[in-house]
Amino acid sequence: MSTRVDPDWAELADLVLIIAREIQFRGYSDERAVPLSQSEGMVMRYLLSVPSAPPSQIAVATGLQRTNLSTVLRGLEAKDLIDRQANPEDGRGVTVRATEQGKRNYALVRGEWATAVSAAAGAAAPGLAAALSLLRAVESGLTSTRP
């Protein structure tokens, strides 16, 4: 049994995916920017919201499988955007944190994303606050019901 869904919601989902792809495709104008894959961006975004976290916590927060997360962490470490340290609580596991370079890079790429999006939409786009509110609600609803 299928439920009728308002086609505007399908259009919103489609546009979000297209916009995300266009932002990734565009690349960066600043040569100092270290490119981030979508998964790397999710991990960096999370690590900037917490001082440090064990990989298991990062996996849960980002929705990445541990094997995929391990690959992402190795890549971020090779780019000097994160580092891993022995867990000070038990000395057995590791915690991950963003390096100063990682923090600077994320701020730089966010600025590039903002420049691209604002130029595409017009810097004084009406309805931006309402759009942000809606997108935050969608993001929160999706992540809270993640399988």
Protein backbone atom coordinates (compact mmCIF):
# COMPACT_ATOMS: atom_id res chain seq x y z
CA MET A 1 0.00 0.00 0.00
CA SER A 2 1.54 3.30 -1.05
CA THR A 3 0.89 6.60 0.64
CA ARG A 4 0.37 9.67 -1.50
CA VAL A 5 3.20 12.10 -0.89
CA ASP A 6 3.07 15.77 -1.80
CA PRO A 7 5.24 16.05 -4.94
CA ASP A 8 6.80 19.23 -3.53
CA TRP A 9 8.61 17.08 -0.93
CA ALA A 10 10.04 14.91 -3.71
CA GLU A 11 11.10 18.08 -5.53
CA LEU A 12 12.80 19.39 -2.37
CA ALA A 13 14.71 16.14 -1.89
CA ASP A 14 15.76 16.11 -5.54
CA LEU A 15 16.95 19.72 -5.42
CA VAL A 16 18.94 19.18 -2.22
CA LEU A 17 20.77 16.25 -3.85
CA ILE A 18 21.43 18.24 -7.03
CA ILE A 19 22.67 21.29 -5.10
CA ALA A 20 24.98 19.15 -2.94
CA ARG A 21 26.44 17.54 -6.06
CA GLU A 22 26.93 20.90 -7.77
CA ILE A 23 28.75 22.29 -4.75
CA GLN A 24 31.09 19.25 -4.70
CA PHE A 25 31.58 19.37 -8.48
CA ARG A 26 32.56 23.05 -8.46
CA GLY A 27 35.77 22.57 -6.50
CA TYR A 28 37.59 25.45 -4.81
CA SER A 29 39.06 28.69 -6.08
CA ASP A 30 41.47 29.04 -3.16
CA GLU A 31 44.49 26.82 -3.77
CA ARG A 32 44.94 26.36 -0.01
CA ALA A 33 41.63 24.46 0.20
CA VAL A 34 41.99 20.74 0.75
CA PRO A 35 39.06 19.05 -1.04
CA LEU A 36 36.71 16.99 1.10
CA SER A 37 34.51 14.13 -0.01
CA GLN A 38 30.96 14.11 1.31
CA SER A 39 31.92 11.59 4.00
CA GLU A 40 35.03 13.55 4.97
CA GLY A 41 32.91 16.69 5.25
CA MET A 42 30.45 14.91 7.55
CA VAL A 43 33.27 13.73 9.81
CA MET A 44 34.91 17.17 9.94
CA ARG A 45 31.57 18.84 10.64
CA TYR A 46 31.04 16.50 13.56
CA LEU A 47 34.59 16.88 14.92
CA LEU A 48 34.21 20.65 14.92
CA SER A 49 31.17 20.29 17.19
CA VAL A 50 33.01 18.15 19.81
CA PRO A 51 36.57 18.47 21.13
CA SER A 52 37.37 14.81 20.40
CA ALA A 53 35.54 11.54 19.97
CA PRO A 54 36.23 7.83 19.64
CA PRO A 55 35.62 6.36 16.17
CA SER A 56 32.53 4.47 17.38
CA GLN A 57 30.90 7.77 18.41
CA ILE A 58 31.82 9.38 15.09
CA ALA A 59 30.32 6.43 13.21
CA VAL A 60 27.02 6.74 15.07
CA ALA A 61 26.90 10.53 14.69
CA THR A 62 27.63 10.50 10.95
CA GLY A 63 25.80 7.32 10.00
CA LEU A 64 28.95 5.83 8.48
CA GLN A 65 29.76 2.15 8.86
CA ARG A 66 32.91 1.51 10.89
CA THR A 67 34.81 0.10 7.89
CA ASN A 68 33.95 3.15 5.77
CA LEU A 69 34.76 5.47 8.65
CA SER A 70 38.18 3.85 9.04
CA THR A 71 38.96 4.66 5.40
CA VAL A 72 37.71 8.24 5.81
CA LEU A 73 39.78 8.74 8.98
CA ARG A 74 42.93 7.45 7.27
CA GLY A 75 42.36 9.90 4.41
CA LEU A 76 41.75 12.85 6.74
CA GLU A 77 44.83 11.93 8.76
CA ALA A 78 46.95 11.76 5.59
CA LYS A 79 45.72 15.27 4.73
CA ASP A 80 46.70 16.45 8.25
CA LEU A 81 43.09 17.45 8.99
CA ILE A 82 42.67 15.13 11.99
CA ASP A 83 44.83 13.30 14.44
CA ARG A 84 44.29 10.29 16.63
CA GLN A 85 45.43 10.01 20.22
CA ALA A 86 45.31 7.28 22.83
CA ASN A 87 42.09 7.54 24.80
CA PRO A 88 43.04 9.25 28.09
CA GLU A 89 40.19 7.50 29.94
CA ASP A 90 41.26 3.91 29.40
CA GLY A 91 44.51 4.07 27.43
CA ARG A 92 43.31 1.33 25.05
CA GLY A 93 41.22 2.98 22.40
CA VAL A 94 41.81 6.15 20.44
CA THR A 95 40.10 9.48 20.20
CA VAL A 96 40.00 11.60 17.07
CA ARG A 97 40.15 15.37 16.89
CA ALA A 98 40.39 18.03 14.22
CA THR A 99 43.85 19.55 13.85
CA GLU A 100 44.31 23.31 13.58
CA GLN A 101 44.84 22.77 9.84
CA GLY A 102 41.57 20.80 9.75
CA LYS A 103 39.69 23.62 11.47
CA ARG A 104 41.15 26.23 9.11
CA ASN A 105 40.41 24.07 6.07
CA TYR A 106 36.81 23.46 7.05
CA ALA A 107 36.27 27.20 7.58
CA LEU A 108 37.86 27.85 4.18
CA VAL A 109 35.75 25.31 2.28
CA ARG A 110 32.56 26.48 4.06
CA GLY A 111 33.39 29.99 2.87
CA GLU A 112 33.83 28.71 -0.67
CA TRP A 113 30.50 26.87 -0.46
CA ALA A 114 28.80 30.02 0.84
CA THR A 115 30.27 32.11 -1.97
CA ALA A 116 29.09 29.66 -4.63
CA VAL A 117 25.59 29.29 -3.19
CA SER A 118 25.05 33.00 -2.54
CA ALA A 119 26.27 33.89 -6.04
CA ALA A 120 23.91 31.31 -7.56
CA ALA A 121 20.88 32.47 -5.57
CA GLY A 122 21.65 36.15 -5.28
CA ALA A 123 23.26 37.44 -2.09
CA ALA A 124 20.04 38.94 -0.75
CA ALA A 125 17.85 35.90 -1.42
CA PRO A 126 14.42 36.38 0.13
CA GLY A 127 13.26 33.47 2.24
CA LEU A 128 16.75 32.34 3.24
CA ALA A 129 15.91 32.24 6.97
CA ALA A 130 12.77 30.21 6.30
CA ALA A 131 14.68 27.84 4.00
CA LEU A 132 17.37 27.32 6.66
CA SER A 133 14.74 26.64 9.30
CA LEU A 134 13.03 24.07 7.08
CA LEU A 135 16.29 22.36 6.13
CA ARG A 136 17.40 22.18 9.78
CA ALA A 137 14.07 20.56 10.69
CA VAL A 138 14.43 18.04 7.84
CA GLU A 139 18.05 17.27 8.82
CA SER A 140 17.08 16.79 12.46
CA GLY A 141 14.11 14.60 11.58
CA LEU A 142 16.15 12.43 9.23
CA THR A 143 19.10 11.94 11.56
CA SER A 144 16.86 11.20 14.56
CA THR A 145 15.12 8.42 12.66
CA ARG A 146 18.26 6.98 11.02
CA PRO A 147 18.08 3.17 10.82
